[in-house]
Structure formats: C-alpha cells, structure tokens
Amino acid sequence: MLDYKNPHLVVETSKLKAGKITWKSPSNLAIIKYWGKHGQQLPNNPSISFTLEKAFTEMALEYYAKPKSYDDPISLEFFFETIPNEKFREKICSFLEGVTEFFPFLKQLHFIIHSYNSFPHSSGIASSASSMSALAMCLCSLEHLLFGTLENETDFLKKASFISRLGSGSASRSVYPIMAAWGKSGEIEGSSDLFAVPFEDQIHDVFKTFHDDILIVSKGEKSVSSRAGHALMDGNIYAANRYQQARQRLNLLLTALHSGDLELFGNITENEALTLHALMMTSNPSYLLMRPNTIKLIELVRRFRKETNLPLFFSLDAGPNLHLLYPHNSAEKIQEFIKSELLVFCENGEFISDNVGNGPIQL
C-alpha cells in the first residue's frame, strides 16, 4: 500500500533561508475520458492522455519561515496573472491543508504563489491539470530541497502524480511526457487509481509528434465546472454503462496506439469526445457546454476528412473549444485548411497551435 505520510518532514525554521521554486507544467488532453469519481479523487474508469506543450501553467512558489505556531493554518498569498485572486487562494489553501500529512512542513512556512496560464482559464482546456501538477512539482521540489528526499526521478514523479491527483484527477497525468495513463487497468502494467504512469514507451512513433491545435470557440468561463460535472455522474442513469464502455474503448485504443492505426485511433477519440458531452446532456440537471460554432467546426472537419482522406480528428474537453489532432506528416495541408476555413468560427480568430510535449520543466 502506497503511503506518503511522513511526520518527520519538519524543518528548523530558525535556520531556514527564504527561497523560490518555479515549474512550468502542461495541460493534457484525455483520449479516453475520465468523468466520474469516488472516494478521495479516485477515478471510476481508467483514462489516457496526450501531454501538451504550449498550453501550460507557470507557477512560482516563494517560501519563508513563519515566526511561530506550527499549528497555525496555511499562510498563503496568491496571485493569478499578477492580480491577487481570493477565490483561487481559498482553493489552494484548502488543497495545501489537505496534503499536510504528506508535507508537514507546509504549516511552518508562509507562501507567495504567482501563477500564469498560457491559455484562457475555465474555458474547457484543462487548467486544473496544468496548475495542480505545477503546484505538486513545486511541493516535491521543496521537499527534496529541504530534506534531500525524492532524489530518484521515478520516485519524484510518482509522488508528484499522487499529490497532483488530490488537487485535480487529470493533473496526475500531466507530470509525464508524451502520454500517460491513470486508473487501474489490467491492460497497463503498474497502473493505479492513486497515480498516473508514463506511457510514452508503449506507443507508435507517429503519435509522439502528434499535433493538437486548439480552436478557441469561446474564452468565456464555462457554466458548469468540471468538479460539479463529475459529481453529477453519481445520479446519471448511463453511468455504469459508461464506465464499462470506457474500459472497452481503452483496450481498443491500446491496439491503435501500439500499431499506429490512425483510423481506429480517430474513431475512438471522436466518440469519446462526444460521449463526454452526451453525459453532460443526460445529467440531472442537464447542461450543454458546446456552442453552435463547436458543431459547425466538427461538421467541417468531418467533411474535410471525407474529401481529402487526410487523418484529421477532433476531440473536446469539458468545454466548447475544439482540439484538432493530426500526425506531423500531414501538417502542411491540414494547417492550411485550419487557417483558411476554420479560424473564422473561433473567437477573434484565436487558436493555440499545440503538439504533444515533453512534460513539466523546472525553471
């Protein structure tokens, strides 16, 4: 049984020098979606995702010794894109309080966090995945700096994934490059509900340079948060069948990822995206995060693929913005199509030209 509780991780504050740790951590795009959870951030089905590169959170964690009481609550100032943000501060304080059993030294320190996203917050790109993984990487780095623990990279990333999960389930996958899987599955060696595992070495080379262009249909904050959406799965009459379906699709996807079967990959990817939004529409209360231009873009992508036979596929996270997935060797013609025919349906013509990436970077 994995147990990161360690009451010995306390510091001698009189000798502690102030410092700063900064990590840049990416968002990720789930191909098999995680939607529905139980217990303490545990998934109801396994998921697998591409790690992105240009959609990221950069987080700087400054730390100072507190003058006294170890039993005081978490002491934190939080700035989002240079502006104090009380809503985010409260969320991060709650998270830090919840992980003090793994990092007892947190109550001994005062923190100032500056966080920045390279993409619109709360618009359906996984901002919690990038932000909570960035924070977890900072915390694990701080533990290593103060106590000399987590020297082994595998141990470091495993704990970072475990801690990330407690803040955002999908964040557990963002700590690994290229591709990661989260959730216990008999098909994936070492897989666990407690942390994600790297999957880069088990996929065909064609997927390691995949593009993911994110079409920004709307930058507005979505009407229902992902946290609330997960909770609504508890009463969804399709939930049990969905969890079985996700496991079946994962088995098929693993075949496609190993062999490089783009058609099978695309079919599963698109069906998973639409299933995610169907689950939202069949929740009680129901809700709809896609926008008219989301539907229009899907129709145009399907028409283009039929006419050109090029491997261009779409996906969606919990929001209206469309992810376009395609291999690098087809990039030139597909990017021409995106710029000439699709950007007109994006808010202010905006999109993020992204690709599969190499995971978090300490700055």
Foldseek 3Di string as FASTA:
>chain_A
DDDLQDPPQAADQVPDDKDKWKKKFFFWAWLLDFFAADDQLFTLAKIKTFAWDQWIKIKMKIKHFDPDDLPDQQAEFEAEPNHTDPVVVVLVSVLCVVCCSNRVHRSRIHIYMYMYTSAQPQFFGPPLLRVLLRVLLRSLVVSCVRPVPPPDVVSSLFSSLLSSSSSPVSNLFRQAFGMKMEHDDPVDPPHHRRGIDDDVVQFDPQSSWKWKKKFALDSDRFPDGSVRRNVLLVPQPCNVVSNVVSNVLVVQCSVCRNVVVLVSSQVSSQVSQVVSQVSQCRGVVHDGAADPLLVVLQVVQVVVCVVPVFRWHWHGGPHHMIIIIHTPVVPPVVVVCCQPPRLVSGDVSDMDTMTGGGHMDID
